[in-house]
N, C-alpha and C. Protein backbone atom coordinates (compact mmCIF):
# COMPACT_ATOMS: atom_id res chain seq x y z
N UNK A 1 14.38 -26.26 -36.48
CA UNK A 1 14.36 -27.09 -35.26
C UNK A 1 12.99 -27.74 -35.11
N UNK A 2 12.92 -29.04 -34.92
CA UNK A 2 11.61 -29.70 -34.82
C UNK A 2 10.84 -29.22 -33.60
N UNK A 3 9.53 -29.11 -33.77
CA UNK A 3 8.70 -28.66 -32.66
C UNK A 3 8.52 -29.78 -31.65
N UNK A 4 8.36 -29.43 -30.41
CA UNK A 4 8.16 -30.38 -29.32
C UNK A 4 6.78 -30.16 -28.76
N UNK A 5 5.96 -31.22 -28.77
CA UNK A 5 4.59 -31.09 -28.29
C UNK A 5 4.56 -31.10 -26.78
N UNK A 6 3.40 -30.68 -26.25
CA UNK A 6 3.23 -30.69 -24.80
C UNK A 6 3.33 -32.11 -24.26
N UNK A 7 2.83 -33.09 -25.05
CA UNK A 7 2.92 -34.48 -24.63
C UNK A 7 4.35 -34.97 -24.53
N UNK A 8 5.20 -34.50 -25.47
CA UNK A 8 6.61 -34.87 -25.41
C UNK A 8 7.27 -34.30 -24.16
N UNK A 9 6.90 -33.08 -23.82
CA UNK A 9 7.55 -32.42 -22.69
C UNK A 9 7.18 -33.04 -21.36
N UNK A 10 5.93 -33.45 -21.20
CA UNK A 10 5.52 -33.98 -19.90
C UNK A 10 5.52 -35.51 -19.84
N UNK A 11 5.97 -36.15 -20.92
CA UNK A 11 6.09 -37.60 -20.91
C UNK A 11 4.79 -38.36 -21.07
N UNK A 12 3.73 -37.71 -21.54
CA UNK A 12 2.44 -38.37 -21.63
C UNK A 12 2.19 -39.00 -23.00
N UNK A 13 3.02 -38.69 -23.99
CA UNK A 13 2.84 -39.29 -25.31
C UNK A 13 3.19 -40.77 -25.25
N UNK A 14 2.36 -41.59 -25.84
CA UNK A 14 2.58 -43.04 -25.83
C UNK A 14 3.58 -43.40 -26.93
N UNK A 15 4.72 -43.95 -26.52
CA UNK A 15 5.73 -44.42 -27.46
C UNK A 15 5.99 -45.89 -27.18
N UNK A 16 5.81 -46.74 -28.18
CA UNK A 16 5.97 -48.19 -27.99
C UNK A 16 7.15 -48.68 -28.83
N UNK A 17 7.73 -49.83 -28.47
CA UNK A 17 8.82 -50.38 -29.29
C UNK A 17 8.34 -50.68 -30.71
N UNK A 18 9.26 -50.57 -31.65
CA UNK A 18 8.93 -50.88 -33.04
C UNK A 18 8.77 -52.38 -33.26
N UNK A 19 9.46 -53.20 -32.43
CA UNK A 19 9.39 -54.65 -32.58
C UNK A 19 10.07 -55.28 -31.37
N UNK A 20 9.83 -56.58 -31.18
CA UNK A 20 10.60 -57.35 -30.21
C UNK A 20 11.81 -57.89 -30.96
N UNK A 21 13.01 -57.64 -30.44
CA UNK A 21 14.22 -57.93 -31.21
C UNK A 21 14.81 -59.31 -30.94
N UNK A 22 15.11 -59.62 -29.67
CA UNK A 22 15.77 -60.88 -29.40
C UNK A 22 15.68 -61.25 -27.93
N UNK A 23 16.05 -62.49 -27.65
CA UNK A 23 16.18 -62.99 -26.28
C UNK A 23 17.58 -63.57 -26.14
N UNK A 24 18.12 -63.48 -24.93
CA UNK A 24 19.44 -64.03 -24.63
C UNK A 24 19.29 -65.05 -23.51
N UNK A 25 19.84 -66.24 -23.72
CA UNK A 25 19.78 -67.31 -22.73
C UNK A 25 21.17 -67.61 -22.22
N UNK A 26 21.34 -67.57 -20.91
CA UNK A 26 22.62 -67.94 -20.29
C UNK A 26 22.61 -69.43 -20.00
N UNK A 27 23.75 -70.08 -20.20
CA UNK A 27 23.79 -71.54 -20.10
C UNK A 27 25.14 -72.05 -19.61
N UNK A 28 25.09 -73.28 -19.11
CA UNK A 28 26.33 -74.00 -18.77
C UNK A 28 26.68 -75.03 -19.84
N UNK A 29 25.76 -75.26 -20.78
CA UNK A 29 25.99 -76.24 -21.85
C UNK A 29 25.81 -75.54 -23.21
N UNK A 30 26.81 -74.77 -23.54
CA UNK A 30 26.76 -73.87 -24.68
C UNK A 30 26.45 -74.59 -25.99
N UNK A 31 27.23 -75.57 -26.34
CA UNK A 31 27.07 -76.18 -27.66
C UNK A 31 25.75 -76.91 -27.80
N UNK A 32 25.31 -77.59 -26.74
CA UNK A 32 24.02 -78.29 -26.80
C UNK A 32 22.88 -77.31 -27.04
N UNK A 33 22.95 -76.16 -26.39
CA UNK A 33 21.90 -75.15 -26.58
C UNK A 33 21.96 -74.56 -27.99
N UNK A 34 23.14 -74.27 -28.47
CA UNK A 34 23.27 -73.74 -29.82
C UNK A 34 22.74 -74.75 -30.84
N UNK A 35 23.12 -76.00 -30.68
CA UNK A 35 22.66 -77.04 -31.61
C UNK A 35 21.14 -77.17 -31.57
N UNK A 36 20.56 -77.11 -30.37
CA UNK A 36 19.11 -77.28 -30.24
C UNK A 36 18.36 -76.15 -30.94
N UNK A 37 18.77 -74.92 -30.71
CA UNK A 37 18.04 -73.79 -31.29
C UNK A 37 18.26 -73.68 -32.80
N UNK A 38 19.45 -74.04 -33.28
CA UNK A 38 19.63 -74.04 -34.73
C UNK A 38 18.79 -75.14 -35.38
N UNK A 39 18.61 -76.26 -34.67
CA UNK A 39 17.78 -77.34 -35.20
C UNK A 39 16.30 -76.98 -35.15
N UNK A 40 15.84 -76.54 -34.00
CA UNK A 40 14.41 -76.28 -33.83
C UNK A 40 13.95 -75.11 -34.68
N UNK A 41 14.69 -74.01 -34.68
CA UNK A 41 14.29 -72.81 -35.41
C UNK A 41 14.87 -72.76 -36.82
N UNK A 42 15.69 -73.76 -37.17
CA UNK A 42 16.42 -73.73 -38.44
C UNK A 42 17.11 -72.37 -38.60
N UNK A 43 17.78 -71.97 -37.53
CA UNK A 43 18.40 -70.66 -37.48
C UNK A 43 19.81 -70.69 -38.03
N UNK A 44 20.25 -69.55 -38.50
CA UNK A 44 21.62 -69.37 -38.99
C UNK A 44 22.46 -68.74 -37.88
N UNK A 45 23.63 -69.26 -37.66
CA UNK A 45 24.55 -68.66 -36.70
C UNK A 45 25.29 -67.53 -37.41
N UNK A 46 25.08 -66.30 -36.97
CA UNK A 46 25.73 -65.16 -37.61
C UNK A 46 27.06 -64.83 -36.93
N UNK A 47 27.23 -65.28 -35.69
CA UNK A 47 28.51 -65.09 -35.00
C UNK A 47 28.56 -66.07 -33.83
N UNK A 48 29.73 -66.70 -33.64
CA UNK A 48 29.95 -67.55 -32.48
C UNK A 48 31.44 -67.59 -32.19
N UNK A 49 31.77 -67.45 -30.90
CA UNK A 49 33.18 -67.53 -30.51
C UNK A 49 33.41 -68.61 -29.46
N UNK A 50 32.43 -69.52 -29.33
CA UNK A 50 32.54 -70.58 -28.34
C UNK A 50 32.01 -70.22 -26.97
N UNK A 51 31.73 -68.95 -26.77
CA UNK A 51 31.15 -68.48 -25.51
C UNK A 51 29.87 -67.68 -25.73
N UNK A 52 29.72 -67.13 -26.93
CA UNK A 52 28.55 -66.33 -27.26
C UNK A 52 28.18 -66.60 -28.71
N UNK A 53 26.91 -66.93 -28.93
CA UNK A 53 26.44 -67.21 -30.28
C UNK A 53 25.20 -66.38 -30.57
N UNK A 54 25.21 -65.74 -31.72
CA UNK A 54 24.06 -64.98 -32.19
C UNK A 54 23.44 -65.73 -33.36
N UNK A 55 22.11 -65.92 -33.30
CA UNK A 55 21.41 -66.67 -34.32
C UNK A 55 20.19 -65.91 -34.81
N UNK A 56 19.86 -66.12 -36.09
CA UNK A 56 18.67 -65.50 -36.65
C UNK A 56 18.03 -66.46 -37.65
N UNK A 57 16.72 -66.25 -37.90
CA UNK A 57 16.02 -67.03 -38.91
C UNK A 57 15.30 -66.13 -39.90
N UNK A 58 15.54 -64.81 -39.80
CA UNK A 58 14.89 -63.87 -40.72
C UNK A 58 15.85 -62.70 -40.96
N UNK A 59 15.32 -61.50 -41.25
CA UNK A 59 16.19 -60.37 -41.58
C UNK A 59 16.68 -59.60 -40.36
N UNK A 60 16.30 -60.03 -39.15
CA UNK A 60 16.85 -59.41 -37.94
C UNK A 60 18.29 -59.90 -37.74
N UNK A 61 19.17 -59.02 -37.28
CA UNK A 61 20.58 -59.42 -37.14
C UNK A 61 20.76 -60.57 -36.18
N UNK A 62 19.96 -60.64 -35.10
CA UNK A 62 19.87 -61.86 -34.31
C UNK A 62 18.56 -61.88 -33.55
N UNK A 63 17.97 -63.06 -33.50
CA UNK A 63 16.70 -63.25 -32.80
C UNK A 63 16.90 -63.91 -31.44
N UNK A 64 17.97 -64.67 -31.31
CA UNK A 64 18.26 -65.31 -30.03
C UNK A 64 19.77 -65.42 -29.89
N UNK A 65 20.24 -65.29 -28.68
CA UNK A 65 21.67 -65.45 -28.40
C UNK A 65 21.83 -66.44 -27.25
N UNK A 66 22.89 -67.22 -27.32
CA UNK A 66 23.24 -68.17 -26.27
C UNK A 66 24.57 -67.71 -25.68
N UNK A 67 24.60 -67.54 -24.37
CA UNK A 67 25.80 -67.06 -23.69
C UNK A 67 26.26 -68.08 -22.67
N UNK A 68 27.52 -68.50 -22.79
CA UNK A 68 28.11 -69.40 -21.80
C UNK A 68 28.60 -68.56 -20.63
N UNK A 69 28.00 -68.78 -19.47
CA UNK A 69 28.33 -67.98 -18.29
C UNK A 69 28.85 -68.92 -17.19
N UNK A 70 30.08 -68.76 -16.74
CA UNK A 70 30.63 -69.64 -15.70
C UNK A 70 29.89 -69.47 -14.37
N UNK A 71 29.79 -70.58 -13.62
CA UNK A 71 29.27 -70.51 -12.26
C UNK A 71 27.78 -70.36 -12.12
N UNK A 72 27.03 -70.66 -13.17
CA UNK A 72 25.58 -70.53 -13.09
C UNK A 72 24.98 -71.61 -12.19
N UNK A 73 23.91 -71.26 -11.50
CA UNK A 73 23.12 -72.23 -10.75
C UNK A 73 21.96 -72.70 -11.62
N UNK A 74 21.57 -73.95 -11.46
CA UNK A 74 20.38 -74.43 -12.16
C UNK A 74 19.15 -73.73 -11.62
N UNK A 75 18.23 -73.44 -12.53
CA UNK A 75 16.99 -72.80 -12.12
C UNK A 75 16.06 -73.83 -11.49
N UNK A 76 15.56 -73.57 -10.29
CA UNK A 76 14.64 -74.54 -9.67
C UNK A 76 13.30 -74.56 -10.38
N UNK A 77 12.61 -75.67 -10.23
CA UNK A 77 11.24 -75.77 -10.78
C UNK A 77 10.32 -74.77 -10.06
N UNK A 78 9.33 -74.30 -10.78
CA UNK A 78 8.32 -73.39 -10.23
C UNK A 78 8.96 -72.11 -9.69
N UNK A 79 9.99 -71.63 -10.38
CA UNK A 79 10.63 -70.37 -10.00
C UNK A 79 9.98 -69.23 -10.78
N UNK A 80 10.02 -68.04 -10.20
CA UNK A 80 9.51 -66.87 -10.91
C UNK A 80 10.41 -66.57 -12.10
N UNK A 81 9.88 -65.87 -13.07
CA UNK A 81 10.67 -65.49 -14.23
C UNK A 81 9.97 -65.87 -15.52
N UNK A 82 10.70 -65.78 -16.61
CA UNK A 82 10.15 -66.07 -17.92
C UNK A 82 9.67 -67.52 -18.00
N UNK A 83 8.44 -67.71 -18.49
CA UNK A 83 7.88 -69.06 -18.57
C UNK A 83 8.27 -69.76 -19.87
N UNK A 84 8.18 -69.04 -20.99
CA UNK A 84 8.55 -69.66 -22.26
C UNK A 84 8.71 -68.60 -23.34
N UNK A 85 9.36 -69.01 -24.42
CA UNK A 85 9.45 -68.23 -25.65
C UNK A 85 8.47 -68.83 -26.64
N UNK A 86 7.87 -68.00 -27.50
CA UNK A 86 6.89 -68.50 -28.47
C UNK A 86 7.23 -67.99 -29.86
N UNK A 87 7.08 -68.89 -30.83
CA UNK A 87 7.35 -68.57 -32.23
C UNK A 87 6.14 -68.97 -33.06
N UNK A 88 5.69 -68.07 -33.93
CA UNK A 88 4.49 -68.29 -34.73
C UNK A 88 4.86 -68.68 -36.15
N UNK A 89 4.20 -69.71 -36.65
CA UNK A 89 4.39 -70.15 -38.04
C UNK A 89 3.26 -69.62 -38.92
N UNK A 90 3.53 -69.62 -40.22
CA UNK A 90 2.59 -68.99 -41.15
C UNK A 90 1.34 -69.82 -41.40
N UNK A 91 1.45 -71.14 -41.21
CA UNK A 91 0.32 -72.01 -41.52
C UNK A 91 0.38 -73.28 -40.69
N UNK A 92 -0.73 -73.99 -40.64
CA UNK A 92 -0.75 -75.26 -39.93
C UNK A 92 0.16 -76.27 -40.63
N UNK A 93 0.30 -76.14 -41.95
CA UNK A 93 1.20 -77.02 -42.67
C UNK A 93 2.64 -76.84 -42.24
N UNK A 94 3.05 -75.59 -42.03
CA UNK A 94 4.42 -75.32 -41.56
C UNK A 94 4.63 -75.89 -40.16
N UNK A 95 3.61 -75.78 -39.31
CA UNK A 95 3.72 -76.32 -37.96
C UNK A 95 3.82 -77.84 -37.99
N UNK A 96 2.99 -78.47 -38.82
CA UNK A 96 3.03 -79.93 -38.95
C UNK A 96 4.38 -80.38 -39.51
N UNK A 97 4.86 -79.72 -40.54
CA UNK A 97 6.16 -80.07 -41.11
C UNK A 97 7.26 -79.96 -40.06
N UNK A 98 7.22 -78.90 -39.27
CA UNK A 98 8.23 -78.70 -38.23
C UNK A 98 8.13 -79.80 -37.17
N UNK A 99 6.91 -80.13 -36.77
CA UNK A 99 6.72 -81.23 -35.81
C UNK A 99 7.34 -82.52 -36.33
N UNK A 100 7.06 -82.84 -37.60
CA UNK A 100 7.56 -84.10 -38.17
C UNK A 100 9.08 -84.06 -38.32
N UNK A 101 9.62 -82.93 -38.71
CA UNK A 101 11.08 -82.80 -38.84
C UNK A 101 11.76 -82.97 -37.49
N UNK A 102 11.22 -82.33 -36.47
CA UNK A 102 11.83 -82.43 -35.14
C UNK A 102 11.64 -83.82 -34.54
N UNK A 103 10.53 -84.45 -34.83
CA UNK A 103 10.31 -85.83 -34.35
C UNK A 103 11.36 -86.76 -34.93
N UNK A 104 11.68 -86.60 -36.20
CA UNK A 104 12.73 -87.43 -36.82
C UNK A 104 14.09 -87.17 -36.17
N UNK A 105 14.28 -85.95 -35.63
CA UNK A 105 15.53 -85.61 -34.96
C UNK A 105 15.51 -86.00 -33.49
N UNK A 106 14.42 -86.63 -33.03
CA UNK A 106 14.31 -87.05 -31.64
C UNK A 106 13.88 -85.96 -30.69
N UNK A 107 13.32 -84.88 -31.23
CA UNK A 107 12.85 -83.76 -30.41
C UNK A 107 11.33 -83.76 -30.44
N UNK A 108 10.71 -84.04 -29.30
CA UNK A 108 9.26 -84.16 -29.21
C UNK A 108 8.68 -83.09 -28.30
N UNK A 109 7.46 -82.65 -28.55
CA UNK A 109 6.83 -81.68 -27.65
C UNK A 109 6.50 -82.33 -26.31
N UNK A 110 6.54 -81.51 -25.26
CA UNK A 110 6.18 -82.01 -23.93
C UNK A 110 4.68 -81.88 -23.68
N UNK A 111 4.03 -80.97 -24.38
CA UNK A 111 2.59 -80.83 -24.28
C UNK A 111 2.11 -80.11 -25.54
N UNK A 112 0.91 -80.46 -26.01
CA UNK A 112 0.32 -79.84 -27.19
C UNK A 112 -1.09 -79.36 -26.84
N UNK A 113 -1.39 -78.11 -27.13
CA UNK A 113 -2.64 -77.50 -26.69
C UNK A 113 -3.22 -76.62 -27.79
N UNK A 114 -4.50 -76.76 -28.03
CA UNK A 114 -5.24 -75.76 -28.79
C UNK A 114 -5.78 -74.77 -27.76
N UNK A 115 -5.18 -73.59 -27.72
CA UNK A 115 -5.57 -72.59 -26.73
C UNK A 115 -6.84 -71.84 -27.12
N UNK A 116 -7.27 -72.00 -28.35
CA UNK A 116 -8.34 -71.15 -28.88
C UNK A 116 -7.73 -70.15 -29.84
N UNK A 117 -6.97 -69.18 -29.33
CA UNK A 117 -6.28 -68.25 -30.23
C UNK A 117 -5.18 -68.90 -31.05
N UNK A 118 -4.54 -69.93 -30.49
CA UNK A 118 -3.44 -70.60 -31.20
C UNK A 118 -3.54 -72.11 -31.05
N UNK A 119 -2.94 -72.81 -32.00
CA UNK A 119 -2.66 -74.23 -31.87
C UNK A 119 -1.17 -74.32 -31.57
N UNK A 120 -0.81 -74.89 -30.42
CA UNK A 120 0.54 -74.75 -29.89
C UNK A 120 1.17 -76.08 -29.49
N UNK A 121 2.47 -76.17 -29.76
CA UNK A 121 3.27 -77.30 -29.32
C UNK A 121 4.41 -76.76 -28.47
N UNK A 122 4.53 -77.29 -27.25
CA UNK A 122 5.55 -76.82 -26.31
C UNK A 122 6.70 -77.82 -26.25
N UNK A 123 7.90 -77.28 -26.40
CA UNK A 123 9.11 -78.09 -26.34
C UNK A 123 9.97 -77.63 -25.17
N UNK A 124 10.98 -78.44 -24.84
CA UNK A 124 11.89 -78.10 -23.75
C UNK A 124 13.32 -78.16 -24.29
N UNK A 125 14.07 -77.07 -24.13
CA UNK A 125 15.45 -77.05 -24.61
C UNK A 125 16.36 -77.79 -23.63
N UNK A 126 17.65 -77.96 -23.93
CA UNK A 126 18.52 -78.74 -23.04
C UNK A 126 18.61 -78.21 -21.62
N UNK A 127 18.37 -76.92 -21.42
CA UNK A 127 18.39 -76.35 -20.07
C UNK A 127 17.03 -76.40 -19.38
N UNK A 128 16.02 -76.90 -20.08
CA UNK A 128 14.69 -77.00 -19.48
C UNK A 128 13.79 -75.81 -19.78
N UNK A 129 14.28 -74.83 -20.54
CA UNK A 129 13.42 -73.71 -20.93
C UNK A 129 12.36 -74.19 -21.91
N UNK A 130 11.15 -73.69 -21.76
CA UNK A 130 10.10 -74.11 -22.68
C UNK A 130 10.03 -73.17 -23.88
N UNK A 131 9.78 -73.77 -25.04
CA UNK A 131 9.65 -73.04 -26.29
C UNK A 131 8.34 -73.47 -26.94
N UNK A 132 7.50 -72.50 -27.25
CA UNK A 132 6.20 -72.76 -27.87
C UNK A 132 6.29 -72.49 -29.36
N UNK A 133 5.93 -73.49 -30.16
CA UNK A 133 5.78 -73.33 -31.60
C UNK A 133 4.29 -73.34 -31.89
N UNK A 134 3.80 -72.31 -32.55
CA UNK A 134 2.35 -72.13 -32.65
C UNK A 134 1.95 -71.62 -34.03
N UNK A 135 0.65 -71.71 -34.27
CA UNK A 135 0.04 -71.09 -35.44
C UNK A 135 -1.22 -70.39 -34.96
N UNK A 136 -1.47 -69.20 -35.50
CA UNK A 136 -2.68 -68.46 -35.12
C UNK A 136 -3.91 -69.17 -35.68
N UNK A 137 -4.96 -69.22 -34.87
CA UNK A 137 -6.18 -69.91 -35.28
C UNK A 137 -7.20 -69.00 -35.96
N UNK A 138 -7.06 -67.70 -35.81
CA UNK A 138 -8.03 -66.77 -36.38
C UNK A 138 -7.38 -65.90 -37.45
N UNK A 139 -8.17 -65.55 -38.45
CA UNK A 139 -7.66 -64.77 -39.57
C UNK A 139 -7.74 -63.27 -39.34
N UNK A 140 -8.48 -62.84 -38.33
CA UNK A 140 -8.64 -61.40 -38.11
C UNK A 140 -8.61 -61.09 -36.63
N UNK A 141 -8.26 -59.85 -36.32
CA UNK A 141 -8.25 -59.37 -34.94
C UNK A 141 -9.67 -59.40 -34.37
N UNK A 142 -10.66 -59.13 -35.21
CA UNK A 142 -12.05 -59.12 -34.74
C UNK A 142 -12.47 -60.51 -34.26
N UNK A 143 -12.10 -61.54 -35.02
CA UNK A 143 -12.42 -62.91 -34.61
C UNK A 143 -11.71 -63.25 -33.30
N UNK A 144 -10.45 -62.85 -33.20
CA UNK A 144 -9.67 -63.13 -31.99
C UNK A 144 -10.30 -62.47 -30.78
N UNK A 145 -10.65 -61.20 -30.91
CA UNK A 145 -11.27 -60.48 -29.79
C UNK A 145 -12.61 -61.12 -29.43
N UNK A 146 -13.32 -61.59 -30.44
CA UNK A 146 -14.59 -62.25 -30.17
C UNK A 146 -14.39 -63.51 -29.35
N UNK A 147 -13.34 -64.28 -29.63
CA UNK A 147 -13.08 -65.48 -28.84
C UNK A 147 -12.72 -65.13 -27.41
N UNK A 148 -11.89 -64.10 -27.21
CA UNK A 148 -11.50 -63.71 -25.86
C UNK A 148 -12.71 -63.31 -25.02
N UNK A 149 -13.77 -62.85 -25.66
CA UNK A 149 -14.97 -62.44 -24.95
C UNK A 149 -16.03 -63.54 -24.90
N UNK A 150 -15.71 -64.70 -25.41
CA UNK A 150 -16.70 -65.78 -25.52
C UNK A 150 -16.83 -66.57 -24.22
N UNK A 151 -17.92 -67.33 -24.13
CA UNK A 151 -18.13 -68.21 -22.97
C UNK A 151 -17.07 -69.30 -22.93
N UNK A 152 -16.63 -69.78 -24.09
CA UNK A 152 -15.60 -70.83 -24.14
C UNK A 152 -14.32 -70.36 -23.47
N UNK A 153 -13.95 -69.11 -23.69
CA UNK A 153 -12.73 -68.57 -23.07
C UNK A 153 -12.93 -68.39 -21.58
N UNK A 154 -14.10 -67.96 -21.18
CA UNK A 154 -14.38 -67.77 -19.76
C UNK A 154 -14.35 -69.09 -19.00
N UNK A 155 -14.88 -70.13 -19.63
CA UNK A 155 -14.96 -71.44 -18.96
C UNK A 155 -13.61 -72.15 -18.96
N UNK A 156 -12.83 -71.95 -20.01
CA UNK A 156 -11.55 -72.65 -20.12
C UNK A 156 -10.52 -71.73 -20.77
N UNK A 157 -9.79 -70.93 -19.96
CA UNK A 157 -8.83 -69.99 -20.52
C UNK A 157 -7.51 -70.63 -20.93
N UNK A 158 -7.35 -71.93 -20.71
CA UNK A 158 -6.09 -72.60 -21.04
C UNK A 158 -6.17 -73.31 -22.38
N UNK A 159 -7.23 -74.05 -22.62
CA UNK A 159 -7.38 -74.74 -23.88
C UNK A 159 -7.58 -76.23 -23.70
N UNK A 160 -7.50 -76.95 -24.82
CA UNK A 160 -7.69 -78.40 -24.82
C UNK A 160 -6.49 -79.05 -25.50
N UNK A 161 -6.12 -80.23 -25.01
CA UNK A 161 -4.97 -80.90 -25.60
C UNK A 161 -5.35 -81.58 -26.91
N UNK A 162 -4.36 -81.87 -27.72
CA UNK A 162 -4.59 -82.62 -28.96
C UNK A 162 -3.41 -83.54 -29.21
N UNK A 163 -3.62 -84.51 -30.08
CA UNK A 163 -2.58 -85.47 -30.44
C UNK A 163 -1.87 -84.96 -31.69
N UNK A 164 -0.57 -84.65 -31.61
CA UNK A 164 0.10 -84.08 -32.78
C UNK A 164 0.20 -85.04 -33.96
N UNK A 165 0.27 -86.35 -33.69
CA UNK A 165 0.30 -87.31 -34.78
C UNK A 165 -1.04 -87.34 -35.52
N UNK A 166 -2.13 -87.20 -34.76
CA UNK A 166 -3.45 -87.14 -35.40
C UNK A 166 -3.59 -85.85 -36.21
N UNK A 167 -3.06 -84.76 -35.69
CA UNK A 167 -3.09 -83.50 -36.44
C UNK A 167 -2.34 -83.65 -37.75
N UNK A 168 -1.16 -84.26 -37.69
CA UNK A 168 -0.36 -84.47 -38.91
C UNK A 168 -1.09 -85.38 -39.89
N UNK A 169 -1.69 -86.45 -39.37
CA UNK A 169 -2.42 -87.39 -40.24
C UNK A 169 -3.57 -86.68 -40.94
N UNK A 170 -4.33 -85.90 -40.18
CA UNK A 170 -5.49 -85.21 -40.76
C UNK A 170 -5.05 -84.15 -41.77
N UNK A 171 -3.92 -83.48 -41.48
CA UNK A 171 -3.42 -82.48 -42.43
C UNK A 171 -3.07 -83.15 -43.75
N UNK A 172 -2.34 -84.26 -43.69
CA UNK A 172 -1.93 -84.95 -44.91
C UNK A 172 -3.12 -85.58 -45.63
N UNK A 173 -4.20 -85.82 -44.89
CA UNK A 173 -5.41 -86.36 -45.52
C UNK A 173 -6.21 -85.29 -46.24
N UNK A 174 -5.79 -84.04 -46.10
CA UNK A 174 -6.45 -82.96 -46.82
C UNK A 174 -7.56 -82.26 -46.09
N UNK A 175 -7.69 -82.50 -44.79
CA UNK A 175 -8.71 -81.79 -44.01
C UNK A 175 -8.37 -80.31 -43.99
N UNK A 176 -9.34 -79.44 -44.23
CA UNK A 176 -9.07 -78.00 -44.31
C UNK A 176 -8.43 -77.45 -43.03
N UNK A 177 -7.57 -76.46 -43.20
CA UNK A 177 -6.87 -75.86 -42.06
C UNK A 177 -7.85 -75.30 -41.04
N UNK A 178 -8.96 -74.74 -41.51
CA UNK A 178 -9.95 -74.18 -40.58
C UNK A 178 -10.51 -75.25 -39.65
N UNK A 179 -10.65 -76.47 -40.16
CA UNK A 179 -11.14 -77.58 -39.33
C UNK A 179 -10.06 -78.07 -38.38
N UNK A 180 -8.82 -78.11 -38.86
CA UNK A 180 -7.73 -78.58 -38.01
C UNK A 180 -7.49 -77.66 -36.82
N UNK A 181 -7.74 -76.37 -37.00
CA UNK A 181 -7.50 -75.39 -35.94
C UNK A 181 -8.74 -75.10 -35.11
N UNK A 182 -9.85 -75.72 -35.46
CA UNK A 182 -11.11 -75.43 -34.78
C UNK A 182 -11.04 -75.79 -33.30
N UNK A 183 -11.52 -74.89 -32.46
CA UNK A 183 -11.49 -75.09 -31.01
C UNK A 183 -12.76 -75.81 -30.57
N UNK A 184 -12.59 -76.95 -29.95
CA UNK A 184 -13.73 -77.75 -29.48
C UNK A 184 -13.57 -77.95 -27.97
N UNK A 185 -14.31 -77.18 -27.20
CA UNK A 185 -14.18 -77.21 -25.74
C UNK A 185 -14.59 -78.55 -25.15
N UNK A 186 -15.29 -79.38 -25.91
CA UNK A 186 -15.73 -80.67 -25.38
C UNK A 186 -14.64 -81.72 -25.47
N UNK A 187 -13.56 -81.41 -26.21
CA UNK A 187 -12.48 -82.37 -26.38
C UNK A 187 -11.33 -82.04 -25.42
N UNK A 188 -10.46 -83.01 -25.25
CA UNK A 188 -9.26 -82.76 -24.48
C UNK A 188 -9.49 -82.76 -22.98
N UNK A 189 -8.49 -82.26 -22.27
CA UNK A 189 -8.51 -82.28 -20.81
C UNK A 189 -9.30 -81.11 -20.25
N UNK A 190 -9.83 -81.28 -19.06
CA UNK A 190 -10.52 -80.20 -18.40
C UNK A 190 -9.48 -79.19 -17.90
N UNK A 191 -9.90 -77.94 -17.65
CA UNK A 191 -8.95 -76.89 -17.27
C UNK A 191 -8.09 -77.22 -16.05
N UNK A 192 -8.67 -77.85 -15.03
CA UNK A 192 -7.90 -78.16 -13.82
C UNK A 192 -6.78 -79.15 -14.13
N UNK A 193 -7.10 -80.19 -14.93
CA UNK A 193 -6.08 -81.16 -15.30
C UNK A 193 -5.03 -80.52 -16.19
N UNK A 194 -5.46 -79.64 -17.09
CA UNK A 194 -4.52 -78.98 -17.98
C UNK A 194 -3.55 -78.09 -17.19
N UNK A 195 -4.06 -77.43 -16.18
CA UNK A 195 -3.18 -76.60 -15.33
C UNK A 195 -2.12 -77.47 -14.65
N UNK A 196 -2.53 -78.62 -14.17
CA UNK A 196 -1.57 -79.53 -13.53
C UNK A 196 -0.54 -80.02 -14.53
N UNK A 197 -1.00 -80.33 -15.75
CA UNK A 197 -0.10 -80.80 -16.80
C UNK A 197 0.88 -79.70 -17.17
N UNK A 198 0.38 -78.49 -17.32
CA UNK A 198 1.26 -77.36 -17.68
C UNK A 198 2.28 -77.14 -16.55
N UNK A 199 1.83 -77.26 -15.31
CA UNK A 199 2.74 -77.07 -14.18
C UNK A 199 3.80 -78.14 -14.12
N UNK A 200 3.42 -79.37 -14.48
CA UNK A 200 4.37 -80.47 -14.46
C UNK A 200 5.44 -80.32 -15.51
N UNK A 201 5.15 -79.51 -16.52
CA UNK A 201 6.12 -79.33 -17.60
C UNK A 201 6.82 -77.98 -17.51
N UNK A 202 6.79 -77.39 -16.32
CA UNK A 202 7.53 -76.14 -16.14
C UNK A 202 9.02 -76.41 -16.20
């Protein structure tokens, strides 16, 4: 019989999830949402019955599900709840390729921000939910923690905007990824304007 520690008995042992598995979105426009997420994430539909669709883009059985629920009310702007979903790409090249592919499909980001820790493009699905496509800007946890403790983060915790077409142009011109992801607090919008912009795209 396995031994039980004192921490197990009194509930003090720290147990965390092994991974984040999936998100489920309820909708009144089922097919439009399914089409959007399969396009944006290049996801595979593993099951769909016209009311519930399970999709994945990796070895997880499903990463996102779309559920058609009758009688739903539209979510008002500036409501409490989940703000956005975020997906990380392996490289700035993958992010640029995805931006260009989605642009050709008529899907454009509503706002693009270099947050410091990430270079991010925010999109809006057919129901108005925001989806962040991002790439990590730092190669190590130590560098990331250093940025969080920096004056740049204290002065501007939101980030600076960038032009995605310029990012794509510079990437194809061969500018190193480290330069493309470099955080320059002197560029872009000031924090107050950025907050207003982010709020306008809720």
